[in-house]
Amino acid sequence: MKFLLLLIAAFIASTLNAYSYAAAGKEPTIDAKEAITRAVNGDDFKMAETVFKEYEQTYRYLNDEFNTLLFEGLKTSILKHDKKQIVRWLDISIACEIQRRIQGGLENIKEFNVAKVMLAKVDKFYKILSVSLDKEKNETLKAAIKKCADSIGNPGLFGVGAKPADEQEYKKNQQVIVNILKSI
């Protein structure tokens, strides 16, 4: 009996630690967006340029992996002091993060806890982006993200209530998400 209780306690502790560790940490793209937005709203384009340079590696990564126009587009709009385009490119950087995390969810669909964390981060980025979307895109994106979250299944508690992952459903909704994000 003691062994079973220790086993249960160890399982719960490892699950909680895995989730909190993976979910913890800063999000450079969010931090950069907030700092650049603050600078631009204060008409401090020198500060916006400084922040951009500080987060250059983040923008280069997103550019190379998800949108080859992001880095130069954001850089140019900051240099030209074009507030409207800066906001657009910052939104695109958030869209790239959603694509990154939704891809991570698919790559880890067999590892429920990892996929769940990826989709929690998708939701975090979605909430930031949603205020910039029209109603139709917002509703479609939100629904597709929810369907991806449902598609990762659930291991249940000791197998009770387990639901297998549905990779095809995930991929179908991932494509909907990517199409919307690329249209921004």
C-alpha atoms as a PDB file:
ATOM      1  CA  MET A   1       0.000   0.000   0.000  1.00  0.00           C
ATOM      2  CA  LYS A   2       2.812   2.413   0.920  1.00  0.00           C
ATOM      3  CA  PHE A   3       4.539   1.588  -2.339  1.00  0.00           C
ATOM      4  CA  LEU A   4       1.400   2.396  -4.321  1.00  0.00           C
ATOM      5  CA  LEU A   5       1.009   5.741  -2.535  1.00  0.00           C
ATOM      6  CA  LEU A   6       4.662   6.580  -3.167  1.00  0.00           C
ATOM      7  CA  LEU A   7       4.252   5.644  -6.818  1.00  0.00           C
ATOM      8  CA  ILE A   8       1.169   7.853  -7.154  1.00  0.00           C
ATOM      9  CA  ALA A   9       2.896  10.752  -5.376  1.00  0.00           C
ATOM     10  CA  ALA A  10       5.979  10.409  -7.591  1.00  0.00           C
ATOM     11  CA  PHE A  11       3.833  10.315 -10.733  1.00  0.00           C
ATOM     12  CA  ILE A  12       1.866  13.413  -9.751  1.00  0.00           C
ATOM     13  CA  ALA A  13       5.012  15.298  -8.738  1.00  0.00           C
ATOM     14  CA  SER A  14       6.809  14.448 -11.973  1.00  0.00           C
ATOM     15  CA  THR A  15       3.784  15.469 -14.034  1.00  0.00           C
ATOM     16  CA  LEU A  16       3.477  18.789 -12.225  1.00  0.00           C
ATOM     17  CA  ASN A  17       7.197  19.481 -12.464  1.00  0.00           C
ATOM     18  CA  ALA A  18       7.263  18.605 -16.155  1.00  0.00           C
ATOM     19  CA  TYR A  19       4.426  20.981 -16.861  1.00  0.00           C
ATOM     20  CA  SER A  20       5.654  23.895 -14.769  1.00  0.00           C
ATOM     21  CA  TYR A  21       9.221  23.561 -16.023  1.00  0.00           C
ATOM     22  CA  ALA A  22       8.176  23.484 -19.661  1.00  0.00           C
ATOM     23  CA  ALA A  23       5.653  26.286 -19.216  1.00  0.00           C
ATOM     24  CA  ALA A  24       8.005  28.512 -17.243  1.00  0.00           C
ATOM     25  CA  GLY A  25      10.281  31.118 -18.664  1.00  0.00           C
ATOM     26  CA  LYS A  26      10.222  34.306 -20.590  1.00  0.00           C
ATOM     27  CA  GLU A  27       8.821  34.710 -24.056  1.00  0.00           C
ATOM     28  CA  PRO A  28      11.265  36.918 -25.988  1.00  0.00           C
ATOM     29  CA  THR A  29       8.784  37.673 -28.778  1.00  0.00           C
ATOM     30  CA  ILE A  30       6.191  38.933 -26.299  1.00  0.00           C
ATOM     31  CA  ASP A  31       8.782  40.915 -24.347  1.00  0.00           C
ATOM     32  CA  ALA A  32      10.093  42.491 -27.553  1.00  0.00           C
ATOM     33  CA  LYS A  33       6.589  43.305 -28.823  1.00  0.00           C
ATOM     34  CA  GLU A  34       5.702  45.027 -25.563  1.00  0.00           C
ATOM     35  CA  ALA A  35       8.956  47.003 -25.432  1.00  0.00           C
ATOM     36  CA  ILE A  36       8.839  48.079 -29.075  1.00  0.00           C
ATOM     37  CA  THR A  37       5.170  49.026 -28.791  1.00  0.00           C
ATOM     38  CA  ARG A  38       5.882  51.083 -25.666  1.00  0.00           C
ATOM     39  CA  ALA A  39       8.757  52.871 -27.424  1.00  0.00           C
ATOM     40  CA  VAL A  40       6.766  53.544 -30.586  1.00  0.00           C
ATOM     41  CA  ASN A  41       3.753  54.812 -28.628  1.00  0.00           C
ATOM     42  CA  GLY A  42       6.135  57.270 -26.974  1.00  0.00           C
ATOM     43  CA  ASP A  43       7.585  58.239 -30.379  1.00  0.00           C
ATOM     44  CA  ASP A  44      10.957  56.897 -29.217  1.00  0.00           C
ATOM     45  CA  PHE A  45      12.053  55.164 -32.394  1.00  0.00           C
ATOM     46  CA  LYS A  46      15.676  55.036 -31.212  1.00  0.00           C
ATOM     47  CA  MET A  47      14.536  52.891 -28.298  1.00  0.00           C
ATOM     48  CA  ALA A  48      12.433  50.745 -30.657  1.00  0.00           C
ATOM     49  CA  GLU A  49      15.546  50.229 -32.783  1.00  0.00           C
ATOM     50  CA  THR A  50      17.590  49.328 -29.690  1.00  0.00           C
ATOM     51  CA  VAL A  51      14.998  46.772 -28.588  1.00  0.00           C
ATOM     52  CA  PHE A  52      14.853  45.327 -32.095  1.00  0.00           C
ATOM     53  CA  LYS A  53      18.636  44.874 -32.058  1.00  0.00           C
ATOM     54  CA  GLU A  54      18.466  43.283 -28.599  1.00  0.00           C
ATOM     55  CA  TYR A  55      15.993  40.693 -29.902  1.00  0.00           C
ATOM     56  CA  GLU A  56      17.567  40.362 -33.348  1.00  0.00           C
ATOM     57  CA  GLN A  57      18.256  36.621 -32.950  1.00  0.00           C
ATOM     58  CA  THR A  58      14.614  35.938 -32.097  1.00  0.00           C
ATOM     59  CA  TYR A  59      13.413  37.789 -35.182  1.00  0.00           C
ATOM     60  CA  ARG A  60      16.012  36.116 -37.395  1.00  0.00           C
ATOM     61  CA  TYR A  61      14.920  32.688 -36.179  1.00  0.00           C
ATOM     62  CA  LEU A  62      11.229  33.422 -36.833  1.00  0.00           C
ATOM     63  CA  ASN A  63      12.180  34.915 -40.205  1.00  0.00           C
ATOM     64  CA  ASP A  64      14.218  31.884 -41.234  1.00  0.00           C
ATOM     65  CA  GLU A  65      11.695  29.319 -40.049  1.00  0.00           C
ATOM     66  CA  PHE A  66       8.262  30.893 -40.617  1.00  0.00           C
ATOM     67  CA  ASN A  67       8.179  34.174 -42.562  1.00  0.00           C
ATOM     68  CA  THR A  68      11.127  35.252 -44.687  1.00  0.00           C
ATOM     69  CA  LEU A  69       9.883  38.852 -44.822  1.00  0.00           C
ATOM     70  CA  LEU A  70       9.620  39.396 -41.054  1.00  0.00           C
ATOM     71  CA  PHE A  71      13.119  40.556 -40.153  1.00  0.00           C
ATOM     72  CA  GLU A  72      13.579  43.139 -42.902  1.00  0.00           C
ATOM     73  CA  GLY A  73       9.926  44.209 -42.750  1.00  0.00           C
ATOM     74  CA  LEU A  74      10.081  45.009 -39.039  1.00  0.00           C
ATOM     75  CA  LYS A  75      13.528  46.577 -39.261  1.00  0.00           C
ATOM     76  CA  THR A  76      12.542  48.807 -42.186  1.00  0.00           C
ATOM     77  CA  SER A  77       9.268  49.899 -40.597  1.00  0.00           C
ATOM     78  CA  ILE A  78      11.117  50.903 -37.407  1.00  0.00           C
ATOM     79  CA  LEU A  79      13.746  52.823 -39.379  1.00  0.00           C
ATOM     80  CA  LYS A  80      10.994  54.601 -41.368  1.00  0.00           C
ATOM     81  CA  HIS A  81       9.011  55.329 -38.185  1.00  0.00           C
ATOM     82  CA  ASP A  82       5.968  53.685 -39.764  1.00  0.00           C
ATOM     83  CA  LYS A  83       3.799  52.884 -36.738  1.00  0.00           C
ATOM     84  CA  LYS A  84       1.128  51.053 -38.703  1.00  0.00           C
ATOM     85  CA  GLN A  85       3.661  48.708 -40.318  1.00  0.00           C
ATOM     86  CA  ILE A  86       5.513  48.193 -37.031  1.00  0.00           C
ATOM     87  CA  VAL A  87       2.281  46.972 -35.439  1.00  0.00           C
ATOM     88  CA  ARG A  88       1.614  44.727 -38.443  1.00  0.00           C
ATOM     89  CA  TRP A  89       5.093  43.153 -38.302  1.00  0.00           C
ATOM     90  CA  LEU A  90       4.884  42.679 -34.541  1.00  0.00           C
ATOM     91  CA  ASP A  91       1.568  40.876 -35.098  1.00  0.00           C
ATOM     92  CA  ILE A  92       3.274  38.728 -37.729  1.00  0.00           C
ATOM     93  CA  SER A  93       5.997  37.854 -35.214  1.00  0.00           C
ATOM     94  CA  ILE A  94       3.278  36.639 -32.821  1.00  0.00           C
ATOM     95  CA  ALA A  95       1.680  34.679 -35.682  1.00  0.00           C
ATOM     96  CA  CYS A  96       5.067  33.031 -36.306  1.00  0.00           C
ATOM     97  CA  GLU A  97       5.228  31.994 -32.659  1.00  0.00           C
ATOM     98  CA  ILE A  98       1.780  30.412 -32.960  1.00  0.00           C
ATOM     99  CA  GLN A  99       2.963  28.476 -36.017  1.00  0.00           C
ATOM    100  CA  ARG A 100       6.078  27.400 -34.138  1.00  0.00           C
ATOM    101  CA  ARG A 101       4.153  26.135 -31.117  1.00  0.00           C
ATOM    102  CA  ILE A 102       1.404  24.472 -33.155  1.00  0.00           C
ATOM    103  CA  GLN A 103       4.149  22.617 -35.065  1.00  0.00           C
ATOM    104  CA  GLY A 104       5.729  21.671 -31.738  1.00  0.00           C
ATOM    105  CA  GLY A 105       2.389  20.268 -30.624  1.00  0.00           C
ATOM    106  CA  LEU A 106       2.251  18.056 -33.702  1.00  0.00           C
ATOM    107  CA  GLU A 107       5.861  16.922 -33.307  1.00  0.00           C
ATOM    108  CA  ASN A 108       5.077  15.933 -29.713  1.00  0.00           C
ATOM    109  CA  ILE A 109       1.534  14.628 -30.177  1.00  0.00           C
ATOM    110  CA  LYS A 110       2.534  11.257 -28.683  1.00  0.00           C
ATOM    111  CA  GLU A 111       3.848  13.030 -25.561  1.00  0.00           C
ATOM    112  CA  PHE A 112       0.653  14.436 -24.062  1.00  0.00           C
ATOM    113  CA  ASN A 113       2.259  16.715 -21.437  1.00  0.00           C
ATOM    114  CA  VAL A 114       4.626  18.314 -23.953  1.00  0.00           C
ATOM    115  CA  ALA A 115       1.885  18.782 -26.561  1.00  0.00           C
ATOM    116  CA  LYS A 116      -0.391  20.253 -23.894  1.00  0.00           C
ATOM    117  CA  VAL A 117       2.253  22.813 -22.927  1.00  0.00           C
ATOM    118  CA  MET A 118       2.791  23.724 -26.595  1.00  0.00           C
ATOM    119  CA  LEU A 119      -0.927  24.316 -27.030  1.00  0.00           C
ATOM    120  CA  ALA A 120      -1.115  26.343 -23.820  1.00  0.00           C
ATOM    121  CA  LYS A 121       1.560  28.578 -25.320  1.00  0.00           C
ATOM    122  CA  VAL A 122      -0.366  28.719 -28.599  1.00  0.00           C
ATOM    123  CA  ASP A 123      -3.331  29.988 -26.609  1.00  0.00           C
ATOM    124  CA  LYS A 124      -1.154  32.590 -24.867  1.00  0.00           C
ATOM    125  CA  PHE A 125       0.074  33.950 -28.207  1.00  0.00           C
ATOM    126  CA  TYR A 126      -3.396  33.687 -29.747  1.00  0.00           C
ATOM    127  CA  LYS A 127      -4.832  35.937 -27.019  1.00  0.00           C
ATOM    128  CA  ILE A 128      -2.252  38.594 -27.863  1.00  0.00           C
ATOM    129  CA  LEU A 129      -2.949  38.366 -31.598  1.00  0.00           C
ATOM    130  CA  SER A 130      -6.738  38.037 -31.377  1.00  0.00           C
ATOM    131  CA  VAL A 131      -7.299  41.757 -30.716  1.00  0.00           C
ATOM    132  CA  SER A 132      -5.827  42.525 -34.152  1.00  0.00           C
ATOM    133  CA  LEU A 133      -7.951  40.042 -36.110  1.00  0.00           C
ATOM    134  CA  ASP A 134     -11.294  40.611 -37.757  1.00  0.00           C
ATOM    135  CA  LYS A 135     -14.208  38.708 -36.227  1.00  0.00           C
ATOM    136  CA  GLU A 136     -14.328  35.926 -38.827  1.00  0.00           C
ATOM    137  CA  LYS A 137     -10.589  35.152 -38.736  1.00  0.00           C
ATOM    138  CA  ASN A 138     -10.594  35.351 -34.956  1.00  0.00           C
ATOM    139  CA  GLU A 139     -13.460  32.883 -34.570  1.00  0.00           C
ATOM    140  CA  THR A 140     -12.022  30.468 -37.141  1.00  0.00           C
ATOM    141  CA  LEU A 141      -8.557  30.613 -35.573  1.00  0.00           C
ATOM    142  CA  LYS A 142      -9.921  30.134 -32.054  1.00  0.00           C
ATOM    143  CA  ALA A 143     -11.998  27.120 -33.150  1.00  0.00           C
ATOM    144  CA  ALA A 144      -9.065  25.504 -34.988  1.00  0.00           C
ATOM    145  CA  ILE A 145      -6.790  25.957 -31.961  1.00  0.00           C
ATOM    146  CA  LYS A 146      -9.428  24.334 -29.738  1.00  0.00           C
ATOM    147  CA  LYS A 147      -9.765  21.425 -32.173  1.00  0.00           C
ATOM    148  CA  CYS A 148      -5.976  20.943 -32.126  1.00  0.00           C
ATOM    149  CA  ALA A 149      -6.071  20.919 -28.324  1.00  0.00           C
ATOM    150  CA  ASP A 150      -8.847  18.326 -28.403  1.00  0.00           C
ATOM    151  CA  SER A 151      -6.875  16.289 -30.964  1.00  0.00           C
ATOM    152  CA  ILE A 152      -3.918  15.634 -28.667  1.00  0.00           C
ATOM    153  CA  GLY A 153      -6.125  13.239 -26.706  1.00  0.00           C
ATOM    154  CA  ASN A 154      -5.775  12.597 -23.014  1.00  0.00           C
ATOM    155  CA  PRO A 155      -3.930   9.845 -21.155  1.00  0.00           C
ATOM    156  CA  GLY A 156      -6.591   9.779 -18.457  1.00  0.00           C
ATOM    157  CA  LEU A 157      -5.778   8.958 -14.866  1.00  0.00           C
ATOM    158  CA  PHE A 158      -4.011   5.595 -14.876  1.00  0.00           C
ATOM    159  CA  GLY A 159      -5.617   5.017 -18.241  1.00  0.00           C
ATOM    160  CA  VAL A 160      -9.175   5.649 -17.042  1.00  0.00           C
ATOM    161  CA  GLY A 161     -10.874   8.075 -19.414  1.00  0.00           C
ATOM    162  CA  ALA A 162      -7.981   7.887 -21.855  1.00  0.00           C
ATOM    163  CA  LYS A 163      -8.572   9.293 -25.314  1.00  0.00           C
ATOM    164  CA  PRO A 164      -6.038   8.631 -28.094  1.00  0.00           C
ATOM    165  CA  ALA A 165      -4.493  11.467 -30.078  1.00  0.00           C
ATOM    166  CA  ASP A 166      -5.969  12.108 -33.526  1.00  0.00           C
ATOM    167  CA  GLU A 167      -3.026  13.207 -35.639  1.00  0.00           C
ATOM    168  CA  GLN A 168      -5.072  13.634 -38.841  1.00  0.00           C
ATOM    169  CA  GLU A 169      -7.565  15.949 -37.122  1.00  0.00           C
ATOM    170  CA  TYR A 170      -4.659  17.893 -35.634  1.00  0.00           C
ATOM    171  CA  LYS A 171      -2.986  18.297 -39.043  1.00  0.00           C
ATOM    172  CA  LYS A 172      -6.258  19.397 -40.654  1.00  0.00           C
ATOM    173  CA  ASN A 173      -6.744  22.146 -38.080  1.00  0.00           C
ATOM    174  CA  GLN A 174      -3.072  23.055 -38.097  1.00  0.00           C
ATOM    175  CA  GLN A 175      -3.432  23.829 -41.799  1.00  0.00           C
ATOM    176  CA  VAL A 176      -6.437  26.078 -41.076  1.00  0.00           C
ATOM    177  CA  ILE A 177      -4.353  27.902 -38.459  1.00  0.00           C
ATOM    178  CA  VAL A 178      -1.339  28.331 -40.748  1.00  0.00           C
ATOM    179  CA  ASN A 179      -3.519  29.615 -43.600  1.00  0.00           C
ATOM    180  CA  ILE A 180      -5.075  32.262 -41.358  1.00  0.00           C
ATOM    181  CA  LEU A 181      -1.735  33.294 -39.882  1.00  0.00           C
ATOM    182  CA  LYS A 182      -0.096  33.601 -43.300  1.00  0.00           C
ATOM    183  CA  SER A 183      -2.932  35.889 -44.420  1.00  0.00           C
ATOM    184  CA  ILE A 184      -2.078  38.521 -41.797  1.00  0.00           C
END
